[in-house]
Amino acid sequence: MNIKAVIFDLDGTIVSDEDEYGEAFRRVLTSLGVKINSKYPHVGGIGVEANWPILIKKYSIKSDRSIAELTGETQKQYLKLLDRVTLKKGFLILIKRLREMDIKTAIATSNSRFILEEIFDRFGIEKYFDSVTTGEEVREKKPSPEIYKIAGDKLEIDPKYILVIEDSKAGIEAARRAGMHTAAIARDGVHKKELKEAEFVVMSLIDILDEVF
């Protein structure tokens, strides 16, 4: 496998923030009068805005608040929890090794640009990426391949030479539909089964060096 570029998803892939997003959604849902038992009430990989129509239908929510308002409040709650967020174990080792190998690196995230900028400011990792693509740049969210096609075009590399690292089923499907190779980072055994469509499924980002390179 001749990989010339690696595109990273952000949430749950570069940073460990699954719990924080779960908490942010729970806080907003609770404010709407919804009783939440699930740790992760949202769908991973599709972004905050795309989740709200799903949640409104799922919980039969009656509210005058718009999707934009609910999205903004969720992001506000997430940022309040940002000090809890950490880089995924092995990320810095992996990204530095890829750069040493002259492999291009990029981010493709369904999240908003301003959230990505907050992550960059917190961890100082912007310097490791040749390009970034955010949710504002696409019309269709994952599992649509649109975001990965745009990210690939920015890198000017044929999709067959690109590896995408994801942590969601929707993200893996999006990358596959874009004609790219796929590796998934799993939280646990149950999550690993959900990501079985990826070519490689690992429990640590460091394992990708052995599995792929």
C-alpha atoms as a PDB file:
ATOM      1  CA  MET A   1       0.000   0.000   0.000  1.00  0.00           C
ATOM      2  CA  ASN A   2       1.614   3.235  -1.196  1.00  0.00           C
ATOM      3  CA  ILE A   3       0.236   5.958   1.069  1.00  0.00           C
ATOM      4  CA  LYS A   4       1.182   9.529   0.168  1.00  0.00           C
ATOM      5  CA  ALA A   5      -1.234  11.385   2.458  1.00  0.00           C
ATOM      6  CA  VAL A   6      -3.204  10.836   5.649  1.00  0.00           C
ATOM      7  CA  ILE A   7      -6.433  12.671   6.439  1.00  0.00           C
ATOM      8  CA  PHE A   8      -7.515  12.735  10.078  1.00  0.00           C
ATOM      9  CA  ASP A   9     -10.988  13.192  11.450  1.00  0.00           C
ATOM     10  CA  LEU A  10     -10.876  15.482  14.508  1.00  0.00           C
ATOM     11  CA  ASP A  11     -13.271  14.528  17.303  1.00  0.00           C
ATOM     12  CA  GLY A  12     -12.519  11.131  18.796  1.00  0.00           C
ATOM     13  CA  THR A  13      -9.576  10.686  16.422  1.00  0.00           C
ATOM     14  CA  ILE A  14      -7.093  13.474  17.133  1.00  0.00           C
ATOM     15  CA  VAL A  15      -8.668  14.487  20.432  1.00  0.00           C
ATOM     16  CA  SER A  16     -10.423  12.424  23.091  1.00  0.00           C
ATOM     17  CA  ASP A  17     -13.637  14.396  23.437  1.00  0.00           C
ATOM     18  CA  GLU A  18     -16.405  11.823  23.041  1.00  0.00           C
ATOM     19  CA  ASP A  19     -17.410  12.184  26.703  1.00  0.00           C
ATOM     20  CA  GLU A  20     -17.374  15.979  26.514  1.00  0.00           C
ATOM     21  CA  TYR A  21     -19.633  16.068  23.460  1.00  0.00           C
ATOM     22  CA  GLY A  22     -21.919  13.546  25.101  1.00  0.00           C
ATOM     23  CA  GLU A  23     -22.113  15.790  28.168  1.00  0.00           C
ATOM     24  CA  ALA A  24     -22.722  18.902  26.038  1.00  0.00           C
ATOM     25  CA  PHE A  25     -25.651  17.256  24.245  1.00  0.00           C
ATOM     26  CA  ARG A  26     -27.036  15.941  27.540  1.00  0.00           C
ATOM     27  CA  ARG A  27     -26.960  19.408  29.098  1.00  0.00           C
ATOM     28  CA  VAL A  28     -28.899  20.954  26.220  1.00  0.00           C
ATOM     29  CA  LEU A  29     -31.362  18.067  26.037  1.00  0.00           C
ATOM     30  CA  THR A  30     -31.959  18.326  29.779  1.00  0.00           C
ATOM     31  CA  SER A  31     -32.668  22.047  29.407  1.00  0.00           C
ATOM     32  CA  LEU A  32     -35.355  21.045  26.898  1.00  0.00           C
ATOM     33  CA  GLY A  33     -36.984  18.754  29.447  1.00  0.00           C
ATOM     34  CA  VAL A  34     -35.634  15.497  28.028  1.00  0.00           C
ATOM     35  CA  LYS A  35     -34.597  12.753  30.445  1.00  0.00           C
ATOM     36  CA  ILE A  36     -31.348  11.235  29.184  1.00  0.00           C
ATOM     37  CA  ASN A  37     -29.978   7.850  30.183  1.00  0.00           C
ATOM     38  CA  SER A  38     -27.462   7.437  27.363  1.00  0.00           C
ATOM     39  CA  LYS A  39     -23.868   8.627  27.805  1.00  0.00           C
ATOM     40  CA  TYR A  40     -23.734   9.419  24.092  1.00  0.00           C
ATOM     41  CA  PRO A  41     -27.198  10.582  22.966  1.00  0.00           C
ATOM     42  CA  HIS A  42     -25.868  11.900  19.663  1.00  0.00           C
ATOM     43  CA  VAL A  43     -24.706  10.236  16.443  1.00  0.00           C
ATOM     44  CA  GLY A  44     -20.921  10.352  16.107  1.00  0.00           C
ATOM     45  CA  GLY A  45     -19.189  11.695  13.030  1.00  0.00           C
ATOM     46  CA  ILE A  46     -21.944  13.826  11.504  1.00  0.00           C
ATOM     47  CA  GLY A  47     -21.423  17.068  13.418  1.00  0.00           C
ATOM     48  CA  VAL A  48     -23.488  18.974  15.971  1.00  0.00           C
ATOM     49  CA  GLU A  49     -25.891  20.693  13.575  1.00  0.00           C
ATOM     50  CA  ALA A  50     -26.828  17.490  11.732  1.00  0.00           C
ATOM     51  CA  ASN A  51     -27.590  15.791  15.053  1.00  0.00           C
ATOM     52  CA  TRP A  52     -30.325  18.146  16.181  1.00  0.00           C
ATOM     53  CA  PRO A  53     -33.048  17.220  13.653  1.00  0.00           C
ATOM     54  CA  ILE A  54     -32.418  13.582  14.603  1.00  0.00           C
ATOM     55  CA  LEU A  55     -32.612  14.309  18.341  1.00  0.00           C
ATOM     56  CA  ILE A  56     -35.730  16.465  17.998  1.00  0.00           C
ATOM     57  CA  LYS A  57     -37.496  13.619  16.213  1.00  0.00           C
ATOM     58  CA  LYS A  58     -36.122  10.902  18.507  1.00  0.00           C
ATOM     59  CA  TYR A  59     -37.241  12.612  21.720  1.00  0.00           C
ATOM     60  CA  SER A  60     -40.343  14.349  20.281  1.00  0.00           C
ATOM     61  CA  ILE A  61     -38.973  17.700  21.417  1.00  0.00           C
ATOM     62  CA  LYS A  62     -41.318  20.700  21.359  1.00  0.00           C
ATOM     63  CA  SER A  63     -39.281  23.897  21.342  1.00  0.00           C
ATOM     64  CA  ASP A  64     -39.248  27.334  19.719  1.00  0.00           C
ATOM     65  CA  ARG A  65     -35.451  27.224  19.567  1.00  0.00           C
ATOM     66  CA  SER A  66     -34.032  26.861  16.072  1.00  0.00           C
ATOM     67  CA  ILE A  67     -31.513  24.247  14.941  1.00  0.00           C
ATOM     68  CA  ALA A  68     -28.926  27.032  14.778  1.00  0.00           C
ATOM     69  CA  GLU A  69     -29.659  28.046  18.382  1.00  0.00           C
ATOM     70  CA  LEU A  70     -29.474  24.465  19.649  1.00  0.00           C
ATOM     71  CA  THR A  71     -26.242  23.941  17.731  1.00  0.00           C
ATOM     72  CA  GLY A  72     -24.727  27.104  19.174  1.00  0.00           C
ATOM     73  CA  GLU A  73     -25.717  26.161  22.720  1.00  0.00           C
ATOM     74  CA  THR A  74     -24.239  22.669  22.323  1.00  0.00           C
ATOM     75  CA  GLN A  75     -20.960  24.123  21.080  1.00  0.00           C
ATOM     76  CA  LYS A  76     -20.986  26.611  23.970  1.00  0.00           C
ATOM     77  CA  GLN A  77     -21.402  23.776  26.464  1.00  0.00           C
ATOM     78  CA  TYR A  78     -18.613  21.810  24.756  1.00  0.00           C
ATOM     79  CA  LEU A  79     -16.215  24.746  25.015  1.00  0.00           C
ATOM     80  CA  LYS A  80     -16.954  24.957  28.745  1.00  0.00           C
ATOM     81  CA  LEU A  81     -15.624  21.400  28.976  1.00  0.00           C
ATOM     82  CA  LEU A  82     -12.618  21.929  26.698  1.00  0.00           C
ATOM     83  CA  ASP A  83     -10.138  21.900  29.573  1.00  0.00           C
ATOM     84  CA  ARG A  84     -10.989  18.210  30.066  1.00  0.00           C
ATOM     85  CA  VAL A  85     -10.187  17.311  26.455  1.00  0.00           C
ATOM     86  CA  THR A  86      -6.842  15.647  25.693  1.00  0.00           C
ATOM     87  CA  LEU A  87      -4.971  14.570  22.590  1.00  0.00           C
ATOM     88  CA  LYS A  88      -5.456  10.925  21.692  1.00  0.00           C
ATOM     89  CA  LYS A  89      -2.679   8.722  23.002  1.00  0.00           C
ATOM     90  CA  GLY A  90      -0.051   8.256  20.321  1.00  0.00           C
ATOM     91  CA  PHE A  91      -1.238  11.122  18.120  1.00  0.00           C
ATOM     92  CA  LEU A  92       1.932  13.214  18.393  1.00  0.00           C
ATOM     93  CA  ILE A  93       4.148  10.184  17.783  1.00  0.00           C
ATOM     94  CA  LEU A  94       2.133   9.251  14.695  1.00  0.00           C
ATOM     95  CA  ILE A  95       1.866  12.724  13.179  1.00  0.00           C
ATOM     96  CA  LYS A  96       5.562  13.495  13.692  1.00  0.00           C
ATOM     97  CA  ARG A  97       6.543  10.175  12.122  1.00  0.00           C
ATOM     98  CA  LEU A  98       4.309  10.808   9.119  1.00  0.00           C
ATOM     99  CA  ARG A  99       5.890  14.230   8.619  1.00  0.00           C
ATOM    100  CA  GLU A 100       9.350  12.676   8.830  1.00  0.00           C
ATOM    101  CA  MET A 101       8.279  10.265   6.072  1.00  0.00           C
ATOM    102  CA  ASP A 102       7.215  13.234   3.870  1.00  0.00           C
ATOM    103  CA  ILE A 103       3.603  12.075   3.974  1.00  0.00           C
ATOM    104  CA  LYS A 104       1.117  14.922   3.662  1.00  0.00           C
ATOM    105  CA  THR A 105      -1.348  15.311   6.527  1.00  0.00           C
ATOM    106  CA  ALA A 106      -4.738  17.004   6.712  1.00  0.00           C
ATOM    107  CA  ILE A 107      -7.878  17.327   8.828  1.00  0.00           C
ATOM    108  CA  ALA A 108     -11.434  16.775   7.580  1.00  0.00           C
ATOM    109  CA  THR A 109     -13.998  17.446  10.296  1.00  0.00           C
ATOM    110  CA  SER A 110     -17.758  17.908  10.361  1.00  0.00           C
ATOM    111  CA  ASN A 111     -17.154  20.364  13.177  1.00  0.00           C
ATOM    112  CA  SER A 112     -17.090  24.146  12.824  1.00  0.00           C
ATOM    113  CA  ARG A 113     -13.960  26.081  11.969  1.00  0.00           C
ATOM    114  CA  PHE A 114     -14.064  28.083  15.206  1.00  0.00           C
ATOM    115  CA  ILE A 115     -14.120  24.871  17.265  1.00  0.00           C
ATOM    116  CA  LEU A 116     -11.116  23.585  15.306  1.00  0.00           C
ATOM    117  CA  GLU A 117      -9.321  26.874  16.000  1.00  0.00           C
ATOM    118  CA  GLU A 118      -9.978  26.405  19.728  1.00  0.00           C
ATOM    119  CA  ILE A 119      -8.414  22.931  19.505  1.00  0.00           C
ATOM    120  CA  PHE A 120      -5.426  24.359  17.631  1.00  0.00           C
ATOM    121  CA  ASP A 121      -4.972  27.095  20.242  1.00  0.00           C
ATOM    122  CA  ARG A 122      -5.180  24.615  23.110  1.00  0.00           C
ATOM    123  CA  PHE A 123      -2.775  22.012  21.742  1.00  0.00           C
ATOM    124  CA  GLY A 124      -0.584  23.890  19.240  1.00  0.00           C
ATOM    125  CA  ILE A 125      -0.956  21.249  16.520  1.00  0.00           C
ATOM    126  CA  GLU A 126      -1.905  23.380  13.500  1.00  0.00           C
ATOM    127  CA  LYS A 127       1.706  23.281  12.277  1.00  0.00           C
ATOM    128  CA  TYR A 128       1.422  19.553  11.574  1.00  0.00           C
ATOM    129  CA  PHE A 129      -1.217  19.888   8.840  1.00  0.00           C
ATOM    130  CA  ASP A 130      -0.972  20.828   5.179  1.00  0.00           C
ATOM    131  CA  SER A 131      -4.680  21.624   4.947  1.00  0.00           C
ATOM    132  CA  VAL A 132      -7.933  21.559   6.901  1.00  0.00           C
ATOM    133  CA  THR A 133     -11.535  21.114   5.766  1.00  0.00           C
ATOM    134  CA  THR A 134     -14.453  21.889   8.083  1.00  0.00           C
ATOM    135  CA  GLY A 135     -18.207  21.431   8.121  1.00  0.00           C
ATOM    136  CA  GLU A 136     -18.886  24.904   6.713  1.00  0.00           C
ATOM    137  CA  GLU A 137     -17.315  23.847   3.405  1.00  0.00           C
ATOM    138  CA  VAL A 138     -19.733  21.029   2.600  1.00  0.00           C
ATOM    139  CA  ARG A 139     -23.410  20.742   1.761  1.00  0.00           C
ATOM    140  CA  GLU A 140     -23.703  17.108   2.791  1.00  0.00           C
ATOM    141  CA  LYS A 141     -22.399  15.652   6.049  1.00  0.00           C
ATOM    142  CA  LYS A 142     -20.779  12.249   6.483  1.00  0.00           C
ATOM    143  CA  PRO A 143     -21.498   9.514   5.328  1.00  0.00           C
ATOM    144  CA  SER A 144     -21.505  11.608   2.159  1.00  0.00           C
ATOM    145  CA  PRO A 145     -17.992  11.474   0.652  1.00  0.00           C
ATOM    146  CA  GLU A 146     -18.058  15.219  -0.079  1.00  0.00           C
ATOM    147  CA  ILE A 147     -15.786  16.349   2.760  1.00  0.00           C
ATOM    148  CA  TYR A 148     -13.116  13.782   1.899  1.00  0.00           C
ATOM    149  CA  LYS A 149     -13.263  14.587  -1.800  1.00  0.00           C
ATOM    150  CA  ILE A 150     -12.690  18.259  -0.981  1.00  0.00           C
ATOM    151  CA  ALA A 151      -9.857  17.399   1.425  1.00  0.00           C
ATOM    152  CA  GLY A 152      -8.246  15.152  -1.198  1.00  0.00           C
ATOM    153  CA  ASP A 153      -8.481  17.871  -3.846  1.00  0.00           C
ATOM    154  CA  LYS A 154      -6.713  20.312  -1.529  1.00  0.00           C
ATOM    155  CA  LEU A 155      -3.851  17.842  -1.120  1.00  0.00           C
ATOM    156  CA  GLU A 156      -3.720  17.257  -4.905  1.00  0.00           C
ATOM    157  CA  ILE A 157      -3.227  13.523  -4.376  1.00  0.00           C
ATOM    158  CA  ASP A 158      -5.144  10.668  -5.996  1.00  0.00           C
ATOM    159  CA  PRO A 159      -7.639   9.138  -3.505  1.00  0.00           C
ATOM    160  CA  LYS A 160      -6.094   5.672  -3.918  1.00  0.00           C
ATOM    161  CA  TYR A 161      -2.935   6.999  -2.224  1.00  0.00           C
ATOM    162  CA  ILE A 162      -4.777   8.540   0.736  1.00  0.00           C
ATOM    163  CA  LEU A 163      -5.447   6.943   4.123  1.00  0.00           C
ATOM    164  CA  VAL A 164      -8.288   8.308   6.252  1.00  0.00           C
ATOM    165  CA  ILE A 165      -8.223   7.816  10.025  1.00  0.00           C
ATOM    166  CA  GLU A 166     -11.694   7.910  11.591  1.00  0.00           C
ATOM    167  CA  ASP A 167     -13.581   6.897  14.712  1.00  0.00           C
ATOM    168  CA  SER A 168     -17.152   6.717  13.374  1.00  0.00           C
ATOM    169  CA  LYS A 169     -19.135   4.430  11.115  1.00  0.00           C
ATOM    170  CA  ALA A 170     -20.364   7.424   9.105  1.00  0.00           C
ATOM    171  CA  GLY A 171     -16.812   8.667   8.648  1.00  0.00           C
ATOM    172  CA  ILE A 172     -15.523   5.300   7.472  1.00  0.00           C
ATOM    173  CA  GLU A 173     -18.343   5.067   4.933  1.00  0.00           C
ATOM    174  CA  ALA A 174     -17.619   8.594   3.712  1.00  0.00           C
ATOM    175  CA  ALA A 175     -13.932   7.816   3.177  1.00  0.00           C
ATOM    176  CA  ARG A 176     -14.673   4.542   1.407  1.00  0.00           C
ATOM    177  CA  ARG A 177     -17.138   6.268  -0.914  1.00  0.00           C
ATOM    178  CA  ALA A 178     -14.423   8.819  -1.702  1.00  0.00           C
ATOM    179  CA  GLY A 179     -12.202   5.948  -2.870  1.00  0.00           C
ATOM    180  CA  MET A 180      -9.721   6.237  -0.013  1.00  0.00           C
ATOM    181  CA  HIS A 181      -8.139   3.696   2.320  1.00  0.00           C
ATOM    182  CA  THR A 182      -9.518   3.570   5.857  1.00  0.00           C
ATOM    183  CA  ALA A 183      -8.233   3.014   9.377  1.00  0.00           C
ATOM    184  CA  ALA A 184     -10.435   3.269  12.460  1.00  0.00           C
ATOM    185  CA  ILE A 185      -9.518   4.050  16.052  1.00  0.00           C
ATOM    186  CA  ALA A 186     -11.817   2.250  18.513  1.00  0.00           C
ATOM    187  CA  ARG A 187     -12.660   3.183  22.119  1.00  0.00           C
ATOM    188  CA  ASP A 188     -13.459  -0.374  23.200  1.00  0.00           C
ATOM    189  CA  GLY A 189     -14.526  -3.799  21.965  1.00  0.00           C
ATOM    190  CA  VAL A 190     -18.125  -2.767  21.255  1.00  0.00           C
ATOM    191  CA  HIS A 191     -17.002   0.302  19.326  1.00  0.00           C
ATOM    192  CA  LYS A 192     -14.493  -1.849  17.422  1.00  0.00           C
ATOM    193  CA  LYS A 193     -17.331  -4.000  16.057  1.00  0.00           C
ATOM    194  CA  GLU A 194     -19.145  -0.877  14.843  1.00  0.00           C
ATOM    195  CA  LEU A 195     -16.077   0.079  12.795  1.00  0.00           C
ATOM    196  CA  LYS A 196     -15.582  -3.298  11.110  1.00  0.00           C
ATOM    197  CA  GLU A 197     -15.985  -1.833   7.600  1.00  0.00           C
ATOM    198  CA  ALA A 198     -12.593  -0.118   7.908  1.00  0.00           C
ATOM    199  CA  GLU A 199      -9.565  -1.830   6.358  1.00  0.00           C
ATOM    200  CA  PHE A 200      -7.707  -1.476   9.652  1.00  0.00           C
ATOM    201  CA  VAL A 201      -9.205  -1.192  13.136  1.00  0.00           C
ATOM    202  CA  VAL A 202      -6.828  -0.332  15.978  1.00  0.00           C
ATOM    203  CA  MET A 203      -7.102   0.558  19.650  1.00  0.00           C
ATOM    204  CA  SER A 204      -4.221   3.053  19.538  1.00  0.00           C
ATOM    205  CA  LEU A 205      -3.015   5.498  16.894  1.00  0.00           C
ATOM    206  CA  ILE A 206       0.522   4.184  17.319  1.00  0.00           C
ATOM    207  CA  ASP A 207      -0.655   0.815  15.992  1.00  0.00           C
ATOM    208  CA  ILE A 208      -1.313   2.424  12.605  1.00  0.00           C
ATOM    209  CA  LEU A 209       2.428   2.747  12.055  1.00  0.00           C
ATOM    210  CA  ASP A 210       2.799  -1.031  12.335  1.00  0.00           C
ATOM    211  CA  GLU A 211      -0.434  -1.942  10.531  1.00  0.00           C
ATOM    212  CA  VAL A 212      -0.103   0.389   7.544  1.00  0.00           C
ATOM    213  CA  PHE A 213       3.449   1.686   7.301  1.00  0.00           C
END
